[in-house]
Amino acid sequence: MLIEAPELSSHAVLRHGFFTRQGGVSEGFYASLNGGLGSGDDPARVAENRRRMMEQFAFPPEALVSLYQVHSPDVVVVERPWDARERPRADAMVTRVPGLALGVTSADCGPVLFADPFNRVVGAAHAGWRGALAGVLAATVAAMERLGAERSQIVAVLGPTICQAAYEVGPEFVAQFRDADSTSEAFFRPGDRAGHAFFDLPGYIGSRLAAAGLGEHEILGHCTYTEEDLFFSYRRATHRGEPDYGRLISAIALTP
């Protein structure tokens, strides 16, 4: 099962999807559409799940490219598929090559899909709090511009992300944001524990997209933590003491 954004699906030159956890072959806490190459799941099951995702794009399995994500602002230009064992260490990708599905993984962090459908450039970014604060979204836009995209034509959509009500953070976290970004105060509200706060990661990502001056940006509004039937969540798995968790895939491509 995948979720599409009208802002992207209205363009015939694009294929995209925010895949949920439903429709795969994995079992246990990986059930069922786990796309995480770095998870402890059976690699054969992960490969079949990723094949099923590309089947919905009408692409071959090798068209899905993903990264070794490190919570950085680093962006890779993709020109051809690569071996999964040689994934670049980065958190965003851009391309103008048709038939390549740029897939980022997430399980609470923010997956953002970008497209300039008129100049035929697409991008995908993994924006956790570290990457969002470090500038991965602005870096993705800049990389798209270097491939010929126009900022005013870019559409960006934030997919399923942990919501503020489920994301309580400690005082060190709050201080790091306040020190680095004076506008961040609006994205915190008092937590249930002294000195803690609830952080609005989707709102913060949305503010960074707005600041980038794009043609359009949208937040889908799904919460990975609370919507357990649809999404994996690192924080939910941690709270339960589970040893690992599944990874969601969000992917975008230009049609061949």
C-alpha atoms as a PDB file:
ATOM      1  CA  MET A   1       0.000   0.000   0.000  1.00  0.00           C
ATOM      2  CA  LEU A   2       1.240   3.452  -0.842  1.00  0.00           C
ATOM      3  CA  ILE A   3       0.051   6.979  -0.167  1.00  0.00           C
ATOM      4  CA  GLU A   4       0.214   9.533  -2.958  1.00  0.00           C
ATOM      5  CA  ALA A   5       0.181  13.313  -2.734  1.00  0.00           C
ATOM      6  CA  PRO A   6      -2.152  15.128  -5.158  1.00  0.00           C
ATOM      7  CA  GLU A   7       0.484  17.836  -5.566  1.00  0.00           C
ATOM      8  CA  LEU A   8       2.742  15.237  -7.207  1.00  0.00           C
ATOM      9  CA  SER A   9       0.307  12.734  -8.715  1.00  0.00           C
ATOM     10  CA  SER A  10      -1.242  15.451 -10.878  1.00  0.00           C
ATOM     11  CA  HIS A  11       1.900  15.467 -13.055  1.00  0.00           C
ATOM     12  CA  ALA A  12       2.095  12.665 -15.629  1.00  0.00           C
ATOM     13  CA  VAL A  13       5.901  12.883 -15.802  1.00  0.00           C
ATOM     14  CA  LEU A  14       6.200  11.741 -12.171  1.00  0.00           C
ATOM     15  CA  ARG A  15       5.739   8.533 -10.240  1.00  0.00           C
ATOM     16  CA  HIS A  16       5.919   8.621  -6.490  1.00  0.00           C
ATOM     17  CA  GLY A  17       4.713   6.956  -3.334  1.00  0.00           C
ATOM     18  CA  PHE A  18       4.994   7.091   0.427  1.00  0.00           C
ATOM     19  CA  PHE A  19       4.848   3.352   1.070  1.00  0.00           C
ATOM     20  CA  THR A  20       3.203   2.156   4.262  1.00  0.00           C
ATOM     21  CA  ARG A  21       4.146  -0.981   6.197  1.00  0.00           C
ATOM     22  CA  GLN A  22       1.337  -2.956   4.530  1.00  0.00           C
ATOM     23  CA  GLY A  23       1.606  -5.356   1.610  1.00  0.00           C
ATOM     24  CA  GLY A  24       4.923  -7.128   2.161  1.00  0.00           C
ATOM     25  CA  VAL A  25       6.305 -10.500   3.220  1.00  0.00           C
ATOM     26  CA  SER A  26       8.284  -9.643   6.380  1.00  0.00           C
ATOM     27  CA  GLU A  27       7.192 -10.973   9.764  1.00  0.00           C
ATOM     28  CA  GLY A  28       7.215 -10.026  13.440  1.00  0.00           C
ATOM     29  CA  PHE A  29       8.042  -6.413  14.212  1.00  0.00           C
ATOM     30  CA  TYR A  30       9.162  -6.050  10.561  1.00  0.00           C
ATOM     31  CA  ALA A  31       5.665  -6.903   9.303  1.00  0.00           C
ATOM     32  CA  SER A  32       5.183  -6.515   6.550  1.00  0.00           C
ATOM     33  CA  LEU A  33       6.559  -4.143   3.870  1.00  0.00           C
ATOM     34  CA  ASN A  34       9.959  -3.473   5.431  1.00  0.00           C
ATOM     35  CA  GLY A  35      12.255  -1.801   2.906  1.00  0.00           C
ATOM     36  CA  GLY A  36      15.267  -1.310   5.175  1.00  0.00           C
ATOM     37  CA  LEU A  37      18.494  -2.723   3.779  1.00  0.00           C
ATOM     38  CA  GLY A  38      20.137  -1.838   7.096  1.00  0.00           C
ATOM     39  CA  SER A  39      17.581  -3.639   9.249  1.00  0.00           C
ATOM     40  CA  GLY A  40      18.098  -7.067  10.771  1.00  0.00           C
ATOM     41  CA  ASP A  41      15.311  -8.531   8.651  1.00  0.00           C
ATOM     42  CA  ASP A  42      15.876 -11.456   6.280  1.00  0.00           C
ATOM     43  CA  PRO A  43      17.552  -9.847   3.214  1.00  0.00           C
ATOM     44  CA  ALA A  44      15.486 -12.001   0.866  1.00  0.00           C
ATOM     45  CA  ARG A  45      12.273 -10.663   2.400  1.00  0.00           C
ATOM     46  CA  VAL A  46      13.508  -7.080   2.149  1.00  0.00           C
ATOM     47  CA  ALA A  47      14.414  -7.648  -1.501  1.00  0.00           C
ATOM     48  CA  GLU A  48      10.942  -9.016  -2.222  1.00  0.00           C
ATOM     49  CA  ASN A  49       9.339  -6.060  -0.455  1.00  0.00           C
ATOM     50  CA  ARG A  50      11.380  -3.609  -2.523  1.00  0.00           C
ATOM     51  CA  ARG A  51      10.499  -5.542  -5.686  1.00  0.00           C
ATOM     52  CA  ARG A  52       6.815  -5.166  -4.838  1.00  0.00           C
ATOM     53  CA  MET A  53       7.283  -1.434  -4.377  1.00  0.00           C
ATOM     54  CA  MET A  54       8.835  -1.075  -7.825  1.00  0.00           C
ATOM     55  CA  GLU A  55       6.129  -3.272  -9.296  1.00  0.00           C
ATOM     56  CA  GLN A  56       3.667  -0.518  -8.336  1.00  0.00           C
ATOM     57  CA  PHE A  57       5.837   1.945 -10.264  1.00  0.00           C
ATOM     58  CA  ALA A  58       6.020  -0.513 -13.212  1.00  0.00           C
ATOM     59  CA  PHE A  59       9.827  -0.392 -12.756  1.00  0.00           C
ATOM     60  CA  PRO A  60      12.350  -3.256 -12.429  1.00  0.00           C
ATOM     61  CA  PRO A  61      13.619  -3.913  -8.874  1.00  0.00           C
ATOM     62  CA  GLU A  62      17.052  -2.441  -9.572  1.00  0.00           C
ATOM     63  CA  ALA A  63      15.497   0.954 -10.368  1.00  0.00           C
ATOM     64  CA  LEU A  64      15.050   1.641  -6.631  1.00  0.00           C
ATOM     65  CA  VAL A  65      18.165   3.364  -5.293  1.00  0.00           C
ATOM     66  CA  SER A  66      18.690   4.255  -1.652  1.00  0.00           C
ATOM     67  CA  LEU A  67      21.415   5.617   0.604  1.00  0.00           C
ATOM     68  CA  TYR A  68      23.373   4.738   3.706  1.00  0.00           C
ATOM     69  CA  GLN A  69      21.691   7.495   5.702  1.00  0.00           C
ATOM     70  CA  VAL A  70      23.776   9.305   8.324  1.00  0.00           C
ATOM     71  CA  HIS A  71      21.639  12.318   9.387  1.00  0.00           C
ATOM     72  CA  SER A  72      23.721  14.720   7.303  1.00  0.00           C
ATOM     73  CA  PRO A  73      23.046  17.633   4.912  1.00  0.00           C
ATOM     74  CA  ASP A  74      24.843  15.757   2.113  1.00  0.00           C
ATOM     75  CA  VAL A  75      23.227  15.263  -1.314  1.00  0.00           C
ATOM     76  CA  VAL A  76      24.143  12.798  -4.082  1.00  0.00           C
ATOM     77  CA  VAL A  77      23.433  13.208  -7.813  1.00  0.00           C
ATOM     78  CA  VAL A  78      22.143   9.890  -9.160  1.00  0.00           C
ATOM     79  CA  GLU A  79      22.894   8.940 -12.757  1.00  0.00           C
ATOM     80  CA  ARG A  80      22.540   5.152 -12.601  1.00  0.00           C
ATOM     81  CA  PRO A  81      21.587   2.429 -10.116  1.00  0.00           C
ATOM     82  CA  TRP A  82      24.258   1.200  -7.700  1.00  0.00           C
ATOM     83  CA  ASP A  83      24.885  -1.987  -5.789  1.00  0.00           C
ATOM     84  CA  ALA A  84      23.085  -1.913  -2.447  1.00  0.00           C
ATOM     85  CA  ARG A  85      26.388  -2.769  -0.721  1.00  0.00           C
ATOM     86  CA  GLU A  86      27.956   0.403  -2.159  1.00  0.00           C
ATOM     87  CA  ARG A  87      25.326   2.912  -1.092  1.00  0.00           C
ATOM     88  CA  PRO A  88      26.734   6.438  -0.684  1.00  0.00           C
ATOM     89  CA  ARG A  89      26.730   7.890   2.832  1.00  0.00           C
ATOM     90  CA  ALA A  90      24.327  10.811   2.446  1.00  0.00           C
ATOM     91  CA  ASP A  91      20.739  11.810   3.191  1.00  0.00           C
ATOM     92  CA  ALA A  92      19.370  13.177  -0.063  1.00  0.00           C
ATOM     93  CA  MET A  93      19.440  12.391  -3.767  1.00  0.00           C
ATOM     94  CA  VAL A  94      18.581  14.269  -6.957  1.00  0.00           C
ATOM     95  CA  THR A  95      18.357  13.189 -10.590  1.00  0.00           C
ATOM     96  CA  ARG A  96      17.150  14.142 -14.027  1.00  0.00           C
ATOM     97  CA  VAL A  97      17.455  10.562 -15.345  1.00  0.00           C
ATOM     98  CA  PRO A  98      14.087   8.937 -16.097  1.00  0.00           C
ATOM     99  CA  GLY A  99      13.346   5.511 -14.667  1.00  0.00           C
ATOM    100  CA  LEU A 100      15.357   5.868 -11.455  1.00  0.00           C
ATOM    101  CA  ALA A 101      13.330   5.748  -8.236  1.00  0.00           C
ATOM    102  CA  LEU A 102      14.992   7.778  -5.492  1.00  0.00           C
ATOM    103  CA  GLY A 103      14.026   6.061  -2.242  1.00  0.00           C
ATOM    104  CA  VAL A 104      14.687   7.353   1.270  1.00  0.00           C
ATOM    105  CA  THR A 105      13.997   5.265   4.358  1.00  0.00           C
ATOM    106  CA  SER A 106      12.364   6.504   7.539  1.00  0.00           C
ATOM    107  CA  ALA A 107      10.682   5.376  10.750  1.00  0.00           C
ATOM    108  CA  ASP A 108       9.814   8.708  12.429  1.00  0.00           C
ATOM    109  CA  CYS A 109      12.140  11.091  10.553  1.00  0.00           C
ATOM    110  CA  GLY A 110      10.688  13.172   7.744  1.00  0.00           C
ATOM    111  CA  PRO A 111      10.766  11.811   4.175  1.00  0.00           C
ATOM    112  CA  VAL A 112      10.516  14.705   1.714  1.00  0.00           C
ATOM    113  CA  LEU A 113       9.923  14.204  -2.015  1.00  0.00           C
ATOM    114  CA  PHE A 114      10.744  17.051  -4.417  1.00  0.00           C
ATOM    115  CA  ALA A 115       9.920  17.597  -8.081  1.00  0.00           C
ATOM    116  CA  ASP A 116      10.202  20.243 -10.754  1.00  0.00           C
ATOM    117  CA  PRO A 117       7.943  18.499 -13.266  1.00  0.00           C
ATOM    118  CA  PHE A 118       8.440  21.177 -15.910  1.00  0.00           C
ATOM    119  CA  ASN A 119      12.240  20.973 -16.021  1.00  0.00           C
ATOM    120  CA  ARG A 120      12.121  17.258 -15.161  1.00  0.00           C
ATOM    121  CA  VAL A 121      14.252  17.123 -12.034  1.00  0.00           C
ATOM    122  CA  VAL A 122      13.350  15.171  -8.885  1.00  0.00           C
ATOM    123  CA  GLY A 123      14.801  14.757  -5.413  1.00  0.00           C
ATOM    124  CA  ALA A 124      14.278  12.869  -2.165  1.00  0.00           C
ATOM    125  CA  ALA A 125      15.550  13.765   1.297  1.00  0.00           C
ATOM    126  CA  HIS A 126      15.657  12.066   4.690  1.00  0.00           C
ATOM    127  CA  ALA A 127      15.099  14.869   7.215  1.00  0.00           C
ATOM    128  CA  GLY A 128      15.436  13.876  10.821  1.00  0.00           C
ATOM    129  CA  TRP A 129      16.007  16.647  13.323  1.00  0.00           C
ATOM    130  CA  ARG A 130      19.766  16.629  12.734  1.00  0.00           C
ATOM    131  CA  GLY A 131      19.464  16.803   8.966  1.00  0.00           C
ATOM    132  CA  ALA A 132      16.719  19.411   9.040  1.00  0.00           C
ATOM    133  CA  LEU A 133      18.750  21.592  11.393  1.00  0.00           C
ATOM    134  CA  ALA A 134      21.936  21.087   9.347  1.00  0.00           C
ATOM    135  CA  GLY A 135      20.250  22.163   6.103  1.00  0.00           C
ATOM    136  CA  VAL A 136      19.574  18.989   4.123  1.00  0.00           C
ATOM    137  CA  LEU A 137      16.387  20.468   2.622  1.00  0.00           C
ATOM    138  CA  ALA A 138      18.041  23.630   1.320  1.00  0.00           C
ATOM    139  CA  ALA A 139      20.947  21.517   0.039  1.00  0.00           C
ATOM    140  CA  THR A 140      18.545  19.296  -1.904  1.00  0.00           C
ATOM    141  CA  VAL A 141      16.926  22.307  -3.552  1.00  0.00           C
ATOM    142  CA  ALA A 142      20.322  23.749  -4.476  1.00  0.00           C
ATOM    143  CA  ALA A 143      21.388  20.423  -5.994  1.00  0.00           C
ATOM    144  CA  MET A 144      18.188  20.303  -8.049  1.00  0.00           C
ATOM    145  CA  GLU A 145      18.884  23.820  -9.317  1.00  0.00           C
ATOM    146  CA  ARG A 146      22.322  22.712 -10.497  1.00  0.00           C
ATOM    147  CA  LEU A 147      20.555  20.081 -12.612  1.00  0.00           C
ATOM    148  CA  GLY A 148      18.308  22.699 -14.208  1.00  0.00           C
ATOM    149  CA  ALA A 149      15.353  22.950 -11.825  1.00  0.00           C
ATOM    150  CA  GLU A 150      13.791  26.313 -11.047  1.00  0.00           C
ATOM    151  CA  ARG A 151      13.074  26.986  -7.399  1.00  0.00           C
ATOM    152  CA  SER A 152       9.708  28.583  -8.169  1.00  0.00           C
ATOM    153  CA  GLN A 153       8.623  25.405  -9.996  1.00  0.00           C
ATOM    154  CA  ILE A 154       9.626  22.915  -7.307  1.00  0.00           C
ATOM    155  CA  VAL A 155       6.924  21.050  -5.391  1.00  0.00           C
ATOM    156  CA  ALA A 156       7.911  19.399  -2.109  1.00  0.00           C
ATOM    157  CA  VAL A 157       5.832  17.031   0.028  1.00  0.00           C
ATOM    158  CA  LEU A 158       6.607  15.806   3.541  1.00  0.00           C
ATOM    159  CA  GLY A 159       5.373  12.287   4.140  1.00  0.00           C
ATOM    160  CA  PRO A 160       4.618  10.307   7.329  1.00  0.00           C
ATOM    161  CA  THR A 161       6.623  11.698  10.267  1.00  0.00           C
ATOM    162  CA  ILE A 162       6.436  11.474  14.052  1.00  0.00           C
ATOM    163  CA  CYS A 163       3.959  14.059  15.356  1.00  0.00           C
ATOM    164  CA  GLN A 164       4.596  16.584  18.109  1.00  0.00           C
ATOM    165  CA  ALA A 165       2.380  14.836  20.662  1.00  0.00           C
ATOM    166  CA  ALA A 166       4.591  11.718  20.446  1.00  0.00           C
ATOM    167  CA  TYR A 167       7.961  13.456  20.367  1.00  0.00           C
ATOM    168  CA  GLU A 168       9.068  14.563  23.827  1.00  0.00           C
ATOM    169  CA  VAL A 169      12.715  15.654  24.000  1.00  0.00           C
ATOM    170  CA  GLY A 170      15.136  16.630  26.716  1.00  0.00           C
ATOM    171  CA  PRO A 171      16.647  19.997  27.641  1.00  0.00           C
ATOM    172  CA  GLU A 172      19.885  19.364  25.716  1.00  0.00           C
ATOM    173  CA  PHE A 173      17.864  18.885  22.530  1.00  0.00           C
ATOM    174  CA  VAL A 174      15.934  22.116  23.091  1.00  0.00           C
ATOM    175  CA  ALA A 175      19.124  24.048  23.841  1.00  0.00           C
ATOM    176  CA  GLN A 176      20.803  22.803  20.672  1.00  0.00           C
ATOM    177  CA  PHE A 177      17.945  24.104  18.538  1.00  0.00           C
ATOM    178  CA  ARG A 178      17.706  27.410  20.349  1.00  0.00           C
ATOM    179  CA  ASP A 179      21.441  27.984  19.969  1.00  0.00           C
ATOM    180  CA  ALA A 180      21.470  27.125  16.254  1.00  0.00           C
ATOM    181  CA  ASP A 181      18.157  28.577  15.069  1.00  0.00           C
ATOM    182  CA  SER A 182      16.512  31.536  16.771  1.00  0.00           C
ATOM    183  CA  THR A 183      13.215  30.810  14.982  1.00  0.00           C
ATOM    184  CA  SER A 184      12.883  27.324  16.483  1.00  0.00           C
ATOM    185  CA  GLU A 185      11.092  28.396  19.693  1.00  0.00           C
ATOM    186  CA  ALA A 186       7.719  28.173  17.934  1.00  0.00           C
ATOM    187  CA  PHE A 187       8.146  24.425  17.415  1.00  0.00           C
ATOM    188  CA  PHE A 188       8.399  23.475  21.094  1.00  0.00           C
ATOM    189  CA  ARG A 189       5.724  23.258  23.776  1.00  0.00           C
ATOM    190  CA  PRO A 190       6.157  22.213  27.414  1.00  0.00           C
ATOM    191  CA  GLY A 191       6.619  18.509  27.983  1.00  0.00           C
ATOM    192  CA  ASP A 192       5.162  16.220  30.615  1.00  0.00           C
ATOM    193  CA  ARG A 193       8.488  16.110  32.488  1.00  0.00           C
ATOM    194  CA  ALA A 194      10.360  19.028  33.968  1.00  0.00           C
ATOM    195  CA  GLY A 195      12.755  20.603  31.508  1.00  0.00           C
ATOM    196  CA  HIS A 196      11.389  18.572  28.607  1.00  0.00           C
ATOM    197  CA  ALA A 197       9.413  19.706  25.577  1.00  0.00           C
ATOM    198  CA  PHE A 198       7.372  18.287  22.726  1.00  0.00           C
ATOM    199  CA  PHE A 199       9.025  19.025  19.378  1.00  0.00           C
ATOM    200  CA  ASP A 200       7.041  19.656  16.194  1.00  0.00           C
ATOM    201  CA  LEU A 201       9.340  18.049  13.619  1.00  0.00           C
ATOM    202  CA  PRO A 202       6.790  18.246  10.751  1.00  0.00           C
ATOM    203  CA  GLY A 203       6.199  21.921  11.512  1.00  0.00           C
ATOM    204  CA  TYR A 204       9.918  22.632  11.605  1.00  0.00           C
ATOM    205  CA  ILE A 205      10.475  20.855   8.284  1.00  0.00           C
ATOM    206  CA  GLY A 206       7.550  22.773   6.802  1.00  0.00           C
ATOM    207  CA  SER A 207       9.132  26.041   7.935  1.00  0.00           C
ATOM    208  CA  ARG A 208      12.419  25.118   6.251  1.00  0.00           C
ATOM    209  CA  LEU A 209      10.579  24.309   3.018  1.00  0.00           C
ATOM    210  CA  ALA A 210       8.708  27.617   3.204  1.00  0.00           C
ATOM    211  CA  ALA A 211      11.974  29.478   3.760  1.00  0.00           C
ATOM    212  CA  ALA A 212      13.414  27.865   0.638  1.00  0.00           C
ATOM    213  CA  GLY A 213      10.964  29.800  -1.528  1.00  0.00           C
ATOM    214  CA  LEU A 214       9.582  26.815  -3.416  1.00  0.00           C
ATOM    215  CA  GLY A 215       6.618  26.939  -5.725  1.00  0.00           C
ATOM    216  CA  GLU A 216       4.581  24.716  -3.393  1.00  0.00           C
ATOM    217  CA  HIS A 217       5.056  22.563  -0.329  1.00  0.00           C
ATOM    218  CA  GLU A 218       2.687  20.286   1.545  1.00  0.00           C
ATOM    219  CA  ILE A 219       2.657  18.212   4.759  1.00  0.00           C
ATOM    220  CA  LEU A 220       0.618  15.007   4.540  1.00  0.00           C
ATOM    221  CA  GLY A 221      -0.021  14.958   8.287  1.00  0.00           C
ATOM    222  CA  HIS A 222       0.364  11.240   9.045  1.00  0.00           C
ATOM    223  CA  CYS A 223       2.016  10.309  12.367  1.00  0.00           C
ATOM    224  CA  THR A 224       4.337   7.301  12.310  1.00  0.00           C
ATOM    225  CA  TYR A 225       4.152   6.770  16.069  1.00  0.00           C
ATOM    226  CA  THR A 226       0.376   6.767  16.554  1.00  0.00           C
ATOM    227  CA  GLU A 227      -0.738   5.121  13.285  1.00  0.00           C
ATOM    228  CA  GLU A 228       0.765   1.722  14.071  1.00  0.00           C
ATOM    229  CA  ASP A 229      -1.250  -0.202  11.486  1.00  0.00           C
ATOM    230  CA  LEU A 230       0.273   1.893   8.692  1.00  0.00           C
ATOM    231  CA  PHE A 231       3.772   2.897   9.754  1.00  0.00           C
ATOM    232  CA  PHE A 232       6.956   1.735  11.427  1.00  0.00           C
ATOM    233  CA  SER A 233       8.273   3.883  14.293  1.00  0.00           C
ATOM    234  CA  TYR A 234      11.736   3.819  15.830  1.00  0.00           C
ATOM    235  CA  ARG A 235      10.516   5.592  18.970  1.00  0.00           C
ATOM    236  CA  ARG A 236       7.560   3.241  19.435  1.00  0.00           C
ATOM    237  CA  ALA A 237       9.860   0.224  19.061  1.00  0.00           C
ATOM    238  CA  THR A 238      12.285   1.748  21.580  1.00  0.00           C
ATOM    239  CA  HIS A 239       9.531   2.387  24.113  1.00  0.00           C
ATOM    240  CA  ARG A 240       8.490  -1.255  23.810  1.00  0.00           C
ATOM    241  CA  GLY A 241      12.024  -2.562  24.178  1.00  0.00           C
ATOM    242  CA  GLU A 242      11.997  -4.187  20.747  1.00  0.00           C
ATOM    243  CA  PRO A 243      15.472  -4.939  19.333  1.00  0.00           C
ATOM    244  CA  ASP A 244      14.850  -3.499  15.861  1.00  0.00           C
ATOM    245  CA  TYR A 245      12.213  -1.898  13.656  1.00  0.00           C
ATOM    246  CA  GLY A 246      11.080  -1.822  10.046  1.00  0.00           C
ATOM    247  CA  ARG A 247      11.831   1.002   7.633  1.00  0.00           C
ATOM    248  CA  LEU A 248       9.370   2.806   5.410  1.00  0.00           C
ATOM    249  CA  ILE A 249      10.286   3.748   1.839  1.00  0.00           C
ATOM    250  CA  SER A 250       9.300   7.015   0.177  1.00  0.00           C
ATOM    251  CA  ALA A 251      10.260   7.214  -3.484  1.00  0.00           C
ATOM    252  CA  ILE A 252       9.958   9.481  -6.514  1.00  0.00           C
ATOM    253  CA  ALA A 253      10.921   9.052 -10.169  1.00  0.00           C
ATOM    254  CA  LEU A 254      10.616  10.587 -13.580  1.00  0.00           C
ATOM    255  CA  THR A 255       8.660   8.428 -15.989  1.00  0.00           C
ATOM    256  CA  PRO A 256      10.786   6.670 -18.625  1.00  0.00           C
END
